[in-house]
Amino acid sequence: MENWEYKLAELFKDRDNPKPLGACIGKVESLAPVIISIQDGKFMLQAEQIYICNQILERETTFRDYVANQSQSGKISVSCTHGGGSYSANGDIEASGRVHLNEVWKVGDYVMVVPDQSEQHFFIVDILRGVS
């Protein structure tokens, strides 16, 4: 027969709410498909559970009205019977276009993972780097 104190303590224990997960560190296990492990590999987050900040995914940007001071000099040979020529120039350059940046994250990187209120979906906020 159980003692009433133990039974009451068990009831208190059963009613305690689980602690929310909160922000944690995840590890990139795969990029195709995206898989992130959390809590030392206990849980694997799949692509359908994950929202990734655009700064990690979008590795292209545009620019316009880029102005640079540049001095240029060079020599050019012209193929003609009367000799060659030379060319030198300097001045401002104006350009517009697209800049493609290198991949930001890779397998083995650590990322900041923040769960939503239900702890069923997770936000990958940024890549974590150690301080040296």
N, C-alpha and C. Protein backbone atom coordinates (compact mmCIF):
# COMPACT_ATOMS: atom_id res chain seq x y z
N MET A 1 0.83 -1.16 0.00
CA MET A 1 0.00 0.00 0.00
C MET A 1 0.89 1.25 0.00
N GLU A 2 0.53 2.21 -0.87
CA GLU A 2 1.33 3.41 -1.01
C GLU A 2 0.99 4.42 0.08
N ASN A 3 2.00 5.12 0.45
CA ASN A 3 1.84 6.17 1.43
C ASN A 3 1.20 7.38 0.75
N TRP A 4 0.31 8.10 1.41
CA TRP A 4 -0.40 9.22 0.78
C TRP A 4 0.54 10.34 0.36
N GLU A 5 1.67 10.50 1.10
CA GLU A 5 2.62 11.55 0.76
C GLU A 5 3.25 11.30 -0.62
N TYR A 6 3.57 10.03 -0.87
CA TYR A 6 4.16 9.68 -2.16
C TYR A 6 3.16 9.86 -3.29
N LYS A 7 1.93 9.49 -3.03
CA LYS A 7 0.88 9.64 -4.03
C LYS A 7 0.66 11.12 -4.36
N LEU A 8 0.63 11.97 -3.32
CA LEU A 8 0.45 13.40 -3.52
C LEU A 8 1.65 14.00 -4.28
N ALA A 9 2.85 13.58 -3.94
CA ALA A 9 4.05 14.06 -4.63
C ALA A 9 4.02 13.66 -6.10
N GLU A 10 3.54 12.45 -6.39
CA GLU A 10 3.42 11.98 -7.77
C GLU A 10 2.41 12.82 -8.54
N LEU A 11 1.29 13.18 -7.90
CA LEU A 11 0.30 14.04 -8.55
C LEU A 11 0.88 15.42 -8.87
N PHE A 12 1.65 15.98 -7.94
CA PHE A 12 2.31 17.26 -8.21
C PHE A 12 3.28 17.14 -9.38
N LYS A 13 4.02 16.07 -9.41
CA LYS A 13 4.99 15.85 -10.48
C LYS A 13 4.28 15.72 -11.82
N ASP A 14 3.17 15.01 -11.87
CA ASP A 14 2.42 14.81 -13.11
C ASP A 14 1.83 16.12 -13.65
N ARG A 15 1.47 17.01 -12.77
CA ARG A 15 0.85 18.25 -13.22
C ARG A 15 1.85 19.30 -13.69
N ASP A 16 3.13 19.13 -13.33
CA ASP A 16 4.15 20.10 -13.75
C ASP A 16 4.21 20.15 -15.27
N ASN A 17 4.24 21.35 -15.77
CA ASN A 17 4.33 21.53 -17.22
C ASN A 17 5.77 21.34 -17.68
N PRO A 18 5.94 20.79 -18.87
CA PRO A 18 7.31 20.68 -19.38
C PRO A 18 7.89 22.06 -19.67
N LYS A 19 9.18 22.20 -19.53
CA LYS A 19 9.85 23.47 -19.78
C LYS A 19 9.93 23.69 -21.30
N PRO A 20 9.68 24.92 -21.74
CA PRO A 20 9.79 25.19 -23.17
C PRO A 20 11.24 25.04 -23.64
N LEU A 21 11.39 24.71 -24.91
CA LEU A 21 12.70 24.44 -25.48
C LEU A 21 13.57 25.69 -25.54
N GLY A 22 13.08 26.80 -26.08
CA GLY A 22 13.87 28.02 -26.20
C GLY A 22 14.92 27.92 -27.30
N ALA A 23 15.66 28.98 -27.48
CA ALA A 23 16.71 29.01 -28.51
C ALA A 23 17.78 27.99 -28.18
N CYS A 24 18.31 27.35 -29.22
CA CYS A 24 19.35 26.34 -29.00
C CYS A 24 20.30 26.32 -30.20
N ILE A 25 21.34 25.56 -30.06
CA ILE A 25 22.33 25.41 -31.13
C ILE A 25 22.01 24.15 -31.91
N GLY A 26 22.00 24.29 -33.22
CA GLY A 26 21.79 23.15 -34.10
C GLY A 26 23.01 22.92 -34.96
N LYS A 27 23.10 21.73 -35.52
CA LYS A 27 24.21 21.39 -36.40
C LYS A 27 23.65 20.99 -37.76
N VAL A 28 24.22 21.55 -38.82
CA VAL A 28 23.79 21.23 -40.18
C VAL A 28 24.30 19.84 -40.51
N GLU A 29 23.37 18.91 -40.68
CA GLU A 29 23.73 17.52 -41.01
C GLU A 29 23.70 17.29 -42.51
N SER A 30 22.80 18.00 -43.21
CA SER A 30 22.66 17.83 -44.66
C SER A 30 22.06 19.09 -45.24
N LEU A 31 22.43 19.41 -46.50
CA LEU A 31 21.85 20.56 -47.19
C LEU A 31 20.86 20.14 -48.27
N ALA A 32 20.94 18.93 -48.74
CA ALA A 32 20.02 18.44 -49.76
C ALA A 32 19.63 17.00 -49.43
N PRO A 33 18.54 16.79 -48.71
CA PRO A 33 17.60 17.75 -48.15
C PRO A 33 18.17 18.37 -46.88
N VAL A 34 17.60 19.50 -46.48
CA VAL A 34 18.07 20.20 -45.27
C VAL A 34 17.68 19.40 -44.04
N ILE A 35 18.67 19.07 -43.23
CA ILE A 35 18.46 18.38 -41.95
C ILE A 35 19.36 19.07 -40.92
N ILE A 36 18.75 19.48 -39.82
CA ILE A 36 19.47 20.13 -38.72
C ILE A 36 19.25 19.29 -37.47
N SER A 37 20.33 18.94 -36.78
CA SER A 37 20.19 18.20 -35.51
C SER A 37 20.25 19.20 -34.36
N ILE A 38 19.46 18.92 -33.32
CA ILE A 38 19.48 19.75 -32.11
C ILE A 38 19.61 18.85 -30.89
N GLN A 39 19.97 19.44 -29.79
CA GLN A 39 20.15 18.74 -28.51
C GLN A 39 21.08 17.54 -28.66
N ASP A 40 22.28 17.84 -29.16
CA ASP A 40 23.34 16.82 -29.33
C ASP A 40 22.89 15.64 -30.16
N GLY A 41 22.11 15.90 -31.20
CA GLY A 41 21.69 14.84 -32.13
C GLY A 41 20.48 14.05 -31.70
N LYS A 42 19.85 14.42 -30.60
CA LYS A 42 18.66 13.69 -30.13
C LYS A 42 17.48 13.87 -31.08
N PHE A 43 17.39 15.07 -31.70
CA PHE A 43 16.27 15.36 -32.59
C PHE A 43 16.81 15.84 -33.93
N MET A 44 16.21 15.35 -35.02
CA MET A 44 16.57 15.76 -36.37
C MET A 44 15.42 16.58 -36.95
N LEU A 45 15.69 17.81 -37.29
CA LEU A 45 14.68 18.68 -37.89
C LEU A 45 14.73 18.52 -39.40
N GLN A 46 13.57 18.25 -39.99
CA GLN A 46 13.46 18.05 -41.43
C GLN A 46 13.05 19.35 -42.11
N ALA A 47 13.20 19.42 -43.42
CA ALA A 47 12.93 20.64 -44.19
C ALA A 47 11.52 21.18 -43.95
N GLU A 48 10.53 20.31 -43.82
CA GLU A 48 9.15 20.79 -43.65
C GLU A 48 8.90 21.41 -42.27
N GLN A 49 9.84 21.27 -41.35
CA GLN A 49 9.72 21.85 -40.01
C GLN A 49 10.52 23.14 -39.87
N ILE A 50 11.28 23.51 -40.90
CA ILE A 50 12.29 24.55 -40.78
C ILE A 50 11.94 25.76 -41.64
N TYR A 51 12.18 26.94 -41.07
CA TYR A 51 12.15 28.20 -41.81
C TYR A 51 13.55 28.80 -41.70
N ILE A 52 14.14 29.15 -42.83
CA ILE A 52 15.52 29.63 -42.83
C ILE A 52 15.53 31.10 -43.24
N CYS A 53 16.25 31.92 -42.49
CA CYS A 53 16.36 33.35 -42.81
C CYS A 53 16.99 33.53 -44.18
N ASN A 54 16.47 34.49 -44.90
CA ASN A 54 16.89 34.74 -46.27
C ASN A 54 18.38 35.04 -46.40
N GLN A 55 18.99 35.65 -45.40
CA GLN A 55 20.41 35.99 -45.48
C GLN A 55 21.29 34.75 -45.61
N ILE A 56 20.79 33.61 -45.17
CA ILE A 56 21.56 32.37 -45.31
C ILE A 56 21.36 31.78 -46.70
N LEU A 57 20.16 31.91 -47.23
CA LEU A 57 19.84 31.29 -48.52
C LEU A 57 20.15 32.16 -49.73
N GLU A 58 19.84 33.42 -49.66
CA GLU A 58 19.98 34.32 -50.82
C GLU A 58 21.41 34.81 -50.91
N ARG A 59 22.13 34.28 -51.82
CA ARG A 59 23.54 34.63 -51.94
C ARG A 59 23.80 35.43 -53.20
N GLU A 60 22.85 36.27 -53.54
CA GLU A 60 23.01 37.13 -54.70
C GLU A 60 22.45 38.49 -54.34
N THR A 61 23.08 39.52 -54.81
CA THR A 61 22.59 40.86 -54.55
C THR A 61 22.79 41.69 -55.81
N THR A 62 22.14 42.81 -55.87
CA THR A 62 22.30 43.69 -57.02
C THR A 62 22.96 44.98 -56.56
N PHE A 63 23.58 45.67 -57.50
CA PHE A 63 24.15 46.96 -57.20
C PHE A 63 23.93 47.86 -58.41
N ARG A 64 23.93 49.15 -58.15
CA ARG A 64 23.89 50.11 -59.24
C ARG A 64 24.58 51.38 -58.79
N ASP A 65 24.96 52.15 -59.74
CA ASP A 65 25.65 53.41 -59.47
C ASP A 65 26.90 53.20 -58.63
N TYR A 66 27.60 52.15 -58.95
CA TYR A 66 28.88 51.89 -58.29
C TYR A 66 29.93 52.76 -58.99
N VAL A 67 30.59 53.60 -58.27
CA VAL A 67 31.59 54.49 -58.86
C VAL A 67 32.93 54.20 -58.20
N ALA A 68 33.93 54.02 -59.04
CA ALA A 68 35.27 53.75 -58.51
C ALA A 68 36.27 54.62 -59.24
N ASN A 69 37.25 55.10 -58.53
CA ASN A 69 38.35 55.82 -59.17
C ASN A 69 39.37 54.78 -59.58
N GLN A 70 39.75 54.84 -60.82
CA GLN A 70 40.67 53.83 -61.31
C GLN A 70 41.61 54.45 -62.32
N SER A 71 42.86 54.11 -62.24
CA SER A 71 43.83 54.50 -63.25
C SER A 71 44.15 53.27 -64.07
N GLN A 72 44.13 53.45 -65.36
CA GLN A 72 44.38 52.34 -66.25
C GLN A 72 45.44 52.75 -67.25
N SER A 73 46.34 51.90 -67.53
CA SER A 73 47.27 52.16 -68.63
C SER A 73 47.59 50.82 -69.28
N GLY A 74 47.84 50.87 -70.52
CA GLY A 74 48.12 49.63 -71.21
C GLY A 74 48.67 49.92 -72.59
N LYS A 75 49.04 48.89 -73.27
CA LYS A 75 49.58 49.02 -74.60
C LYS A 75 48.83 48.10 -75.52
N ILE A 76 48.52 48.58 -76.66
CA ILE A 76 47.80 47.77 -77.62
C ILE A 76 48.57 47.79 -78.94
N SER A 77 48.65 46.68 -79.57
CA SER A 77 49.30 46.59 -80.88
C SER A 77 48.23 46.41 -81.93
N VAL A 78 48.37 47.18 -82.98
CA VAL A 78 47.42 47.10 -84.08
C VAL A 78 48.12 46.44 -85.25
N SER A 79 47.44 45.49 -85.84
CA SER A 79 48.03 44.76 -86.94
C SER A 79 47.75 45.48 -88.26
N CYS A 80 48.70 46.34 -88.66
CA CYS A 80 48.58 47.01 -89.95
C CYS A 80 49.98 47.28 -90.50
N THR A 81 50.06 47.58 -91.74
CA THR A 81 51.37 47.75 -92.38
C THR A 81 52.07 49.02 -91.95
N HIS A 82 51.38 49.98 -91.42
CA HIS A 82 51.97 51.26 -91.05
C HIS A 82 52.41 51.33 -89.60
N GLY A 83 52.39 50.27 -88.85
CA GLY A 83 52.90 50.31 -87.48
C GLY A 83 51.85 49.93 -86.45
N GLY A 84 52.09 50.30 -85.23
CA GLY A 84 51.20 49.97 -84.12
C GLY A 84 50.71 51.21 -83.42
N GLY A 85 50.23 51.04 -82.22
CA GLY A 85 49.72 52.18 -81.49
C GLY A 85 49.77 51.90 -80.00
N SER A 86 49.40 52.87 -79.20
CA SER A 86 49.34 52.68 -77.76
C SER A 86 48.06 53.32 -77.23
N TYR A 87 47.69 52.90 -76.03
CA TYR A 87 46.43 53.37 -75.44
C TYR A 87 46.66 53.58 -73.96
N SER A 88 46.20 54.69 -73.41
CA SER A 88 46.20 54.88 -71.96
C SER A 88 44.93 55.61 -71.59
N ALA A 89 44.41 55.29 -70.41
CA ALA A 89 43.16 55.90 -69.98
C ALA A 89 43.10 55.95 -68.47
N ASN A 90 42.33 56.88 -67.93
CA ASN A 90 42.01 56.91 -66.52
C ASN A 90 40.69 57.64 -66.35
N GLY A 91 40.03 57.39 -65.22
CA GLY A 91 38.75 58.05 -64.99
C GLY A 91 37.84 57.23 -64.09
N ASP A 92 36.59 57.66 -64.03
CA ASP A 92 35.59 57.00 -63.21
C ASP A 92 34.91 55.88 -63.98
N ILE A 93 34.49 54.89 -63.25
CA ILE A 93 33.76 53.76 -63.83
C ILE A 93 32.39 53.72 -63.17
N GLU A 94 31.36 53.66 -63.95
CA GLU A 94 30.01 53.46 -63.43
C GLU A 94 29.51 52.13 -63.95
N ALA A 95 28.91 51.33 -63.05
CA ALA A 95 28.48 50.00 -63.45
C ALA A 95 27.24 49.60 -62.70
N SER A 96 26.54 48.63 -63.22
CA SER A 96 25.44 48.00 -62.50
C SER A 96 25.45 46.53 -62.87
N GLY A 97 24.91 45.71 -62.00
CA GLY A 97 24.91 44.27 -62.30
C GLY A 97 24.56 43.46 -61.08
N ARG A 98 24.97 42.21 -61.08
CA ARG A 98 24.67 41.28 -60.00
C ARG A 98 25.98 40.77 -59.42
N VAL A 99 25.97 40.61 -58.10
CA VAL A 99 27.12 40.05 -57.41
C VAL A 99 26.68 38.69 -56.86
N HIS A 100 27.41 37.66 -57.20
CA HIS A 100 27.12 36.32 -56.70
C HIS A 100 28.13 36.00 -55.61
N LEU A 101 27.63 35.69 -54.42
CA LEU A 101 28.49 35.43 -53.27
C LEU A 101 28.65 33.93 -53.04
N ASN A 102 29.71 33.57 -52.36
CA ASN A 102 29.96 32.17 -52.07
C ASN A 102 28.92 31.62 -51.10
N GLU A 103 28.84 30.31 -51.07
CA GLU A 103 27.92 29.61 -50.16
C GLU A 103 28.20 30.03 -48.72
N VAL A 104 27.13 30.28 -47.97
CA VAL A 104 27.29 30.75 -46.60
C VAL A 104 27.38 29.61 -45.62
N TRP A 105 26.54 28.60 -45.76
CA TRP A 105 26.54 27.53 -44.78
C TRP A 105 26.88 26.21 -45.45
N LYS A 106 27.40 25.31 -44.65
CA LYS A 106 27.80 24.01 -45.17
C LYS A 106 27.58 22.95 -44.09
N VAL A 107 27.64 21.71 -44.49
CA VAL A 107 27.47 20.60 -43.55
C VAL A 107 28.53 20.72 -42.46
N GLY A 108 28.10 20.57 -41.22
CA GLY A 108 29.00 20.68 -40.07
C GLY A 108 28.94 22.02 -39.37
N ASP A 109 28.33 23.03 -40.02
CA ASP A 109 28.19 24.34 -39.38
C ASP A 109 27.19 24.27 -38.23
N TYR A 110 27.38 25.16 -37.26
CA TYR A 110 26.44 25.30 -36.17
C TYR A 110 25.56 26.52 -36.44
N VAL A 111 24.28 26.38 -36.15
CA VAL A 111 23.31 27.43 -36.42
C VAL A 111 22.47 27.71 -35.18
N MET A 112 21.93 28.92 -35.11
CA MET A 112 21.02 29.28 -34.02
C MET A 112 19.62 28.86 -34.42
N VAL A 113 18.98 28.05 -33.59
CA VAL A 113 17.65 27.51 -33.86
C VAL A 113 16.69 28.04 -32.80
N VAL A 114 15.58 28.62 -33.27
CA VAL A 114 14.56 29.15 -32.36
C VAL A 114 13.23 28.48 -32.69
N PRO A 115 12.61 27.79 -31.73
CA PRO A 115 11.33 27.14 -32.00
C PRO A 115 10.18 28.13 -31.98
N ASP A 116 9.09 27.78 -32.70
CA ASP A 116 7.87 28.58 -32.57
C ASP A 116 7.18 28.18 -31.27
N GLN A 117 6.03 28.78 -31.00
CA GLN A 117 5.35 28.53 -29.73
C GLN A 117 4.95 27.07 -29.55
N SER A 118 4.60 26.41 -30.65
CA SER A 118 4.18 25.01 -30.56
C SER A 118 5.36 24.04 -30.50
N GLU A 119 6.57 24.54 -30.77
CA GLU A 119 7.79 23.73 -30.85
C GLU A 119 7.69 22.65 -31.93
N GLN A 120 6.90 22.93 -32.95
CA GLN A 120 6.77 22.03 -34.09
C GLN A 120 7.48 22.56 -35.33
N HIS A 121 7.73 23.85 -35.36
CA HIS A 121 8.46 24.50 -36.45
C HIS A 121 9.61 25.30 -35.85
N PHE A 122 10.68 25.42 -36.63
CA PHE A 122 11.90 26.02 -36.10
C PHE A 122 12.45 27.03 -37.09
N PHE A 123 13.00 28.12 -36.56
CA PHE A 123 13.60 29.17 -37.36
C PHE A 123 15.11 29.07 -37.27
N ILE A 124 15.77 28.97 -38.41
CA ILE A 124 17.21 28.98 -38.47
C ILE A 124 17.60 30.44 -38.68
N VAL A 125 18.16 31.05 -37.64
CA VAL A 125 18.38 32.49 -37.64
C VAL A 125 19.72 32.88 -38.26
N ASP A 126 20.77 32.21 -37.88
CA ASP A 126 22.08 32.59 -38.39
C ASP A 126 23.07 31.46 -38.14
N ILE A 127 24.23 31.59 -38.74
CA ILE A 127 25.32 30.65 -38.55
C ILE A 127 26.17 31.14 -37.39
N LEU A 128 26.60 30.22 -36.55
CA LEU A 128 27.40 30.56 -35.37
C LEU A 128 28.87 30.28 -35.66
N ARG A 129 29.71 31.20 -35.29
CA ARG A 129 31.16 31.05 -35.44
C ARG A 129 31.81 31.29 -34.09
N GLY A 130 32.87 30.58 -33.83
CA GLY A 130 33.59 30.76 -32.59
C GLY A 130 34.40 32.06 -32.61
N VAL A 131 34.69 32.58 -31.44
CA VAL A 131 35.50 33.79 -31.32
C VAL A 131 36.94 33.36 -31.14
N SER A 132 37.82 33.94 -31.93
CA SER A 132 39.24 33.57 -31.79
C SER A 132 40.10 34.75 -31.46
